[in-house]
Amino acid sequence: MTMTKHTMPETMYRASRCCRVLGNPTAYLILRCLGHGQKTPTQLSKDIEVSLPTVCMTLRHLREMEVIRYETSGQHKLYWIKDERVLAILDSLEEWVEAMRGQQ
């Protein structure tokens, strides 16, 4: 079976795009931080020690991939993880990396 980027199923394409976003260390840290509860961009910026503009840009990418959601509360946006299964994916990735390191 021959498959190209243009003929791959939608699910595979979207999964590859999610991997691309998760490959960004800032996005990864944001998701780990949101795994502990809802946060504003300012809180995230302080928690992961990354500039607010970088956090906001990364949050936009995560929203576009439908990994996170937000609601406006007064003048603040409160973000959370849309589906907690993404945390299990991060856990699995970390376990895999540890296993790969042990095989060296």
N, C-alpha and C. Protein backbone atom coordinates (compact mmCIF):
# COMPACT_ATOMS: atom_id res chain seq x y z
N MET A 1 0.85 -1.18 0.00
CA MET A 1 0.00 0.00 0.00
C MET A 1 0.89 1.24 0.00
N THR A 2 0.67 2.09 -0.95
CA THR A 2 1.42 3.34 -1.05
C THR A 2 0.60 4.45 -0.41
N MET A 3 1.27 5.21 0.45
CA MET A 3 0.59 6.31 1.12
C MET A 3 1.49 7.53 1.09
N THR A 4 0.91 8.66 0.84
CA THR A 4 1.65 9.92 0.86
C THR A 4 0.95 10.86 1.83
N LYS A 5 1.59 11.98 2.07
CA LYS A 5 1.00 12.99 2.95
C LYS A 5 -0.38 13.41 2.44
N HIS A 6 -0.55 13.40 1.13
CA HIS A 6 -1.81 13.86 0.54
C HIS A 6 -2.89 12.79 0.54
N THR A 7 -2.50 11.52 0.69
CA THR A 7 -3.49 10.45 0.66
C THR A 7 -3.70 9.77 2.01
N MET A 8 -2.95 10.21 3.01
CA MET A 8 -3.10 9.55 4.32
C MET A 8 -4.46 9.87 4.93
N PRO A 9 -5.02 8.93 5.70
CA PRO A 9 -6.31 9.17 6.35
C PRO A 9 -6.25 10.39 7.27
N GLU A 10 -7.39 11.04 7.40
CA GLU A 10 -7.50 12.25 8.23
C GLU A 10 -6.99 12.02 9.65
N THR A 11 -7.34 10.88 10.24
CA THR A 11 -6.91 10.60 11.61
C THR A 11 -5.40 10.54 11.72
N MET A 12 -4.75 9.89 10.77
CA MET A 12 -3.29 9.82 10.79
C MET A 12 -2.67 11.20 10.60
N TYR A 13 -3.25 11.99 9.71
CA TYR A 13 -2.73 13.33 9.47
C TYR A 13 -2.84 14.18 10.73
N ARG A 14 -4.01 14.15 11.38
CA ARG A 14 -4.20 14.94 12.60
C ARG A 14 -3.28 14.46 13.72
N ALA A 15 -3.07 13.15 13.82
CA ALA A 15 -2.16 12.61 14.84
C ALA A 15 -0.74 13.12 14.60
N SER A 16 -0.33 13.16 13.33
CA SER A 16 1.02 13.65 13.03
C SER A 16 1.14 15.13 13.38
N ARG A 17 0.09 15.90 13.16
CA ARG A 17 0.11 17.32 13.51
C ARG A 17 0.19 17.49 15.04
N CYS A 18 -0.51 16.64 15.79
CA CYS A 18 -0.43 16.70 17.25
C CYS A 18 0.99 16.39 17.71
N CYS A 19 1.63 15.40 17.09
CA CYS A 19 3.02 15.08 17.44
C CYS A 19 3.92 16.29 17.19
N ARG A 20 3.65 16.99 16.12
CA ARG A 20 4.46 18.17 15.79
C ARG A 20 4.33 19.24 16.88
N VAL A 21 3.10 19.48 17.33
CA VAL A 21 2.89 20.48 18.38
C VAL A 21 3.50 20.01 19.69
N LEU A 22 3.31 18.73 20.03
CA LEU A 22 3.86 18.20 21.27
C LEU A 22 5.38 18.17 21.26
N GLY A 23 5.98 18.24 20.08
CA GLY A 23 7.43 18.29 19.97
C GLY A 23 8.02 19.62 20.42
N ASN A 24 7.17 20.59 20.64
CA ASN A 24 7.61 21.90 21.13
C ASN A 24 7.75 21.81 22.65
N PRO A 25 8.97 21.99 23.19
CA PRO A 25 9.15 21.89 24.65
C PRO A 25 8.22 22.80 25.45
N THR A 26 7.92 23.98 24.92
CA THR A 26 7.01 24.89 25.65
C THR A 26 5.61 24.29 25.71
N ALA A 27 5.12 23.73 24.61
CA ALA A 27 3.80 23.09 24.61
C ALA A 27 3.78 21.92 25.58
N TYR A 28 4.85 21.16 25.59
CA TYR A 28 4.94 20.01 26.49
C TYR A 28 4.85 20.46 27.94
N LEU A 29 5.60 21.49 28.29
CA LEU A 29 5.57 22.01 29.66
C LEU A 29 4.20 22.58 30.02
N ILE A 30 3.58 23.27 29.08
CA ILE A 30 2.24 23.82 29.33
C ILE A 30 1.27 22.69 29.64
N LEU A 31 1.30 21.63 28.86
CA LEU A 31 0.39 20.52 29.10
C LEU A 31 0.65 19.86 30.45
N ARG A 32 1.92 19.70 30.77
CA ARG A 32 2.24 19.12 32.09
C ARG A 32 1.71 20.03 33.21
N CYS A 33 1.85 21.31 33.04
CA CYS A 33 1.37 22.27 34.02
C CYS A 33 -0.16 22.24 34.12
N LEU A 34 -0.83 22.19 32.97
CA LEU A 34 -2.29 22.15 32.97
C LEU A 34 -2.82 20.81 33.50
N GLY A 35 -1.97 19.82 33.55
CA GLY A 35 -2.36 18.55 34.15
C GLY A 35 -2.64 18.66 35.63
N HIS A 36 -2.21 19.76 36.23
CA HIS A 36 -2.45 20.00 37.66
C HIS A 36 -3.62 20.94 37.91
N GLY A 37 -4.29 21.37 36.83
CA GLY A 37 -5.46 22.23 37.00
C GLY A 37 -5.46 23.40 36.03
N GLN A 38 -6.55 24.12 36.03
CA GLN A 38 -6.73 25.25 35.13
C GLN A 38 -5.77 26.38 35.49
N LYS A 39 -5.32 27.08 34.44
CA LYS A 39 -4.37 28.19 34.66
C LYS A 39 -4.62 29.29 33.63
N THR A 40 -4.23 30.49 34.01
CA THR A 40 -4.22 31.61 33.07
C THR A 40 -2.88 31.62 32.34
N PRO A 41 -2.79 32.32 31.22
CA PRO A 41 -1.50 32.44 30.55
C PRO A 41 -0.41 33.02 31.46
N THR A 42 -0.77 34.00 32.27
CA THR A 42 0.21 34.60 33.18
C THR A 42 0.72 33.57 34.19
N GLN A 43 -0.19 32.77 34.75
CA GLN A 43 0.23 31.73 35.68
C GLN A 43 1.16 30.72 34.99
N LEU A 44 0.79 30.33 33.78
CA LEU A 44 1.62 29.39 33.03
C LEU A 44 3.00 29.97 32.77
N SER A 45 3.04 31.23 32.39
CA SER A 45 4.30 31.91 32.11
C SER A 45 5.22 31.88 33.33
N LYS A 46 4.66 32.15 34.48
CA LYS A 46 5.44 32.13 35.72
C LYS A 46 5.87 30.72 36.09
N ASP A 47 4.94 29.77 35.96
CA ASP A 47 5.22 28.39 36.36
C ASP A 47 6.31 27.74 35.52
N ILE A 48 6.31 27.99 34.22
CA ILE A 48 7.30 27.33 33.35
C ILE A 48 8.46 28.26 32.97
N GLU A 49 8.40 29.49 33.48
CA GLU A 49 9.47 30.47 33.27
C GLU A 49 9.75 30.72 31.79
N VAL A 50 8.67 31.00 31.06
CA VAL A 50 8.73 31.33 29.64
C VAL A 50 7.96 32.63 29.46
N SER A 51 8.38 33.46 28.53
CA SER A 51 7.73 34.76 28.34
C SER A 51 6.24 34.59 28.01
N LEU A 52 5.47 35.56 28.42
CA LEU A 52 4.03 35.55 28.18
C LEU A 52 3.69 35.48 26.68
N PRO A 53 4.36 36.25 25.81
CA PRO A 53 4.05 36.13 24.38
C PRO A 53 4.30 34.72 23.83
N THR A 54 5.35 34.07 24.29
CA THR A 54 5.64 32.70 23.85
C THR A 54 4.57 31.74 24.34
N VAL A 55 4.15 31.90 25.58
CA VAL A 55 3.08 31.06 26.14
C VAL A 55 1.79 31.27 25.34
N CYS A 56 1.45 32.51 25.06
CA CYS A 56 0.21 32.80 24.32
C CYS A 56 0.23 32.20 22.92
N MET A 57 1.36 32.29 22.24
CA MET A 57 1.48 31.72 20.91
C MET A 57 1.34 30.20 20.96
N THR A 58 1.95 29.59 21.96
CA THR A 58 1.89 28.14 22.11
C THR A 58 0.48 27.69 22.47
N LEU A 59 -0.20 28.45 23.33
CA LEU A 59 -1.59 28.14 23.66
C LEU A 59 -2.46 28.18 22.41
N ARG A 60 -2.20 29.13 21.54
CA ARG A 60 -2.96 29.21 20.28
C ARG A 60 -2.77 27.94 19.46
N HIS A 61 -1.53 27.46 19.36
CA HIS A 61 -1.26 26.24 18.61
C HIS A 61 -1.96 25.04 19.24
N LEU A 62 -1.94 24.95 20.56
CA LEU A 62 -2.62 23.85 21.24
C LEU A 62 -4.13 23.93 21.06
N ARG A 63 -4.68 25.15 21.04
CA ARG A 63 -6.12 25.32 20.78
C ARG A 63 -6.46 24.88 19.37
N GLU A 64 -5.63 25.27 18.41
CA GLU A 64 -5.87 24.90 17.01
C GLU A 64 -5.89 23.39 16.82
N MET A 65 -5.11 22.68 17.62
CA MET A 65 -5.07 21.22 17.56
C MET A 65 -6.17 20.60 18.42
N GLU A 66 -6.94 21.44 19.09
CA GLU A 66 -8.04 21.00 19.96
C GLU A 66 -7.56 20.15 21.13
N VAL A 67 -6.36 20.48 21.63
CA VAL A 67 -5.81 19.78 22.78
C VAL A 67 -6.24 20.45 24.07
N ILE A 68 -6.44 21.76 24.02
CA ILE A 68 -6.85 22.52 25.20
C ILE A 68 -8.10 23.34 24.89
N ARG A 69 -8.72 23.80 25.93
CA ARG A 69 -9.89 24.70 25.84
C ARG A 69 -9.64 25.87 26.78
N TYR A 70 -10.48 26.89 26.63
CA TYR A 70 -10.42 28.01 27.57
C TYR A 70 -11.79 28.65 27.70
N GLU A 71 -11.94 29.38 28.78
CA GLU A 71 -13.12 30.23 28.96
C GLU A 71 -12.65 31.55 29.53
N THR A 72 -13.39 32.58 29.20
CA THR A 72 -13.05 33.92 29.69
C THR A 72 -13.75 34.14 31.02
N SER A 73 -12.98 34.58 31.99
CA SER A 73 -13.49 34.89 33.32
C SER A 73 -13.03 36.30 33.65
N GLY A 74 -13.92 37.26 33.49
CA GLY A 74 -13.53 38.66 33.67
C GLY A 74 -12.58 39.05 32.55
N GLN A 75 -11.42 39.52 32.93
CA GLN A 75 -10.42 39.90 31.94
C GLN A 75 -9.41 38.78 31.67
N HIS A 76 -9.60 37.63 32.28
CA HIS A 76 -8.64 36.54 32.17
C HIS A 76 -9.23 35.37 31.38
N LYS A 77 -8.33 34.66 30.71
CA LYS A 77 -8.69 33.41 30.06
C LYS A 77 -8.13 32.29 30.92
N LEU A 78 -8.98 31.32 31.19
CA LEU A 78 -8.59 30.17 32.00
C LEU A 78 -8.52 28.96 31.08
N TYR A 79 -7.35 28.32 31.03
CA TYR A 79 -7.11 27.19 30.13
C TYR A 79 -7.12 25.87 30.87
N TRP A 80 -7.52 24.82 30.16
CA TRP A 80 -7.48 23.46 30.70
C TRP A 80 -7.31 22.48 29.54
N ILE A 81 -6.96 21.25 29.90
CA ILE A 81 -6.79 20.20 28.91
C ILE A 81 -8.17 19.67 28.52
N LYS A 82 -8.41 19.58 27.23
CA LYS A 82 -9.71 19.13 26.72
C LYS A 82 -9.95 17.66 27.05
N ASP A 83 -8.95 16.83 26.87
CA ASP A 83 -9.11 15.39 27.09
C ASP A 83 -7.88 14.90 27.87
N GLU A 84 -8.11 14.41 29.05
CA GLU A 84 -7.03 14.01 29.95
C GLU A 84 -6.18 12.87 29.38
N ARG A 85 -6.65 12.20 28.32
CA ARG A 85 -5.86 11.12 27.73
C ARG A 85 -4.53 11.63 27.19
N VAL A 86 -4.44 12.92 26.90
CA VAL A 86 -3.16 13.47 26.42
C VAL A 86 -2.09 13.31 27.50
N LEU A 87 -2.47 13.37 28.77
CA LEU A 87 -1.50 13.17 29.85
C LEU A 87 -0.99 11.73 29.87
N ALA A 88 -1.85 10.78 29.56
CA ALA A 88 -1.43 9.37 29.47
C ALA A 88 -0.46 9.20 28.30
N ILE A 89 -0.69 9.94 27.23
CA ILE A 89 0.22 9.89 26.08
C ILE A 89 1.59 10.42 26.49
N LEU A 90 1.61 11.54 27.22
CA LEU A 90 2.88 12.09 27.69
C LEU A 90 3.59 11.12 28.62
N ASP A 91 2.83 10.49 29.52
CA ASP A 91 3.41 9.49 30.42
C ASP A 91 4.03 8.35 29.62
N SER A 92 3.31 7.86 28.61
CA SER A 92 3.81 6.76 27.78
C SER A 92 5.07 7.16 27.03
N LEU A 93 5.07 8.38 26.49
CA LEU A 93 6.27 8.86 25.79
C LEU A 93 7.47 8.90 26.72
N GLU A 94 7.27 9.39 27.93
CA GLU A 94 8.37 9.48 28.88
C GLU A 94 8.87 8.10 29.28
N GLU A 95 7.94 7.15 29.46
CA GLU A 95 8.34 5.77 29.78
C GLU A 95 9.13 5.17 28.62
N TRP A 96 8.69 5.42 27.40
CA TRP A 96 9.37 4.91 26.21
C TRP A 96 10.78 5.48 26.12
N VAL A 97 10.91 6.79 26.34
CA VAL A 97 12.22 7.43 26.29
C VAL A 97 13.15 6.83 27.35
N GLU A 98 12.65 6.63 28.55
CA GLU A 98 13.45 6.01 29.61
C GLU A 98 13.88 4.60 29.21
N ALA A 99 12.97 3.84 28.62
CA ALA A 99 13.31 2.49 28.17
C ALA A 99 14.36 2.53 27.08
N MET A 100 14.26 3.47 26.15
CA MET A 100 15.23 3.60 25.08
C MET A 100 16.61 3.98 25.63
N ARG A 101 16.61 4.83 26.63
CA ARG A 101 17.89 5.24 27.25
C ARG A 101 18.55 4.04 27.93
N GLY A 102 17.74 3.16 28.52
CA GLY A 102 18.25 2.00 29.21
C GLY A 102 18.81 0.94 28.28
N GLN A 103 18.44 1.01 27.01
CA GLN A 103 18.90 0.01 26.03
C GLN A 103 20.23 0.39 25.38
N GLN A 104 20.77 1.51 25.73
CA GLN A 104 22.01 1.97 25.10
C GLN A 104 23.21 1.16 25.54
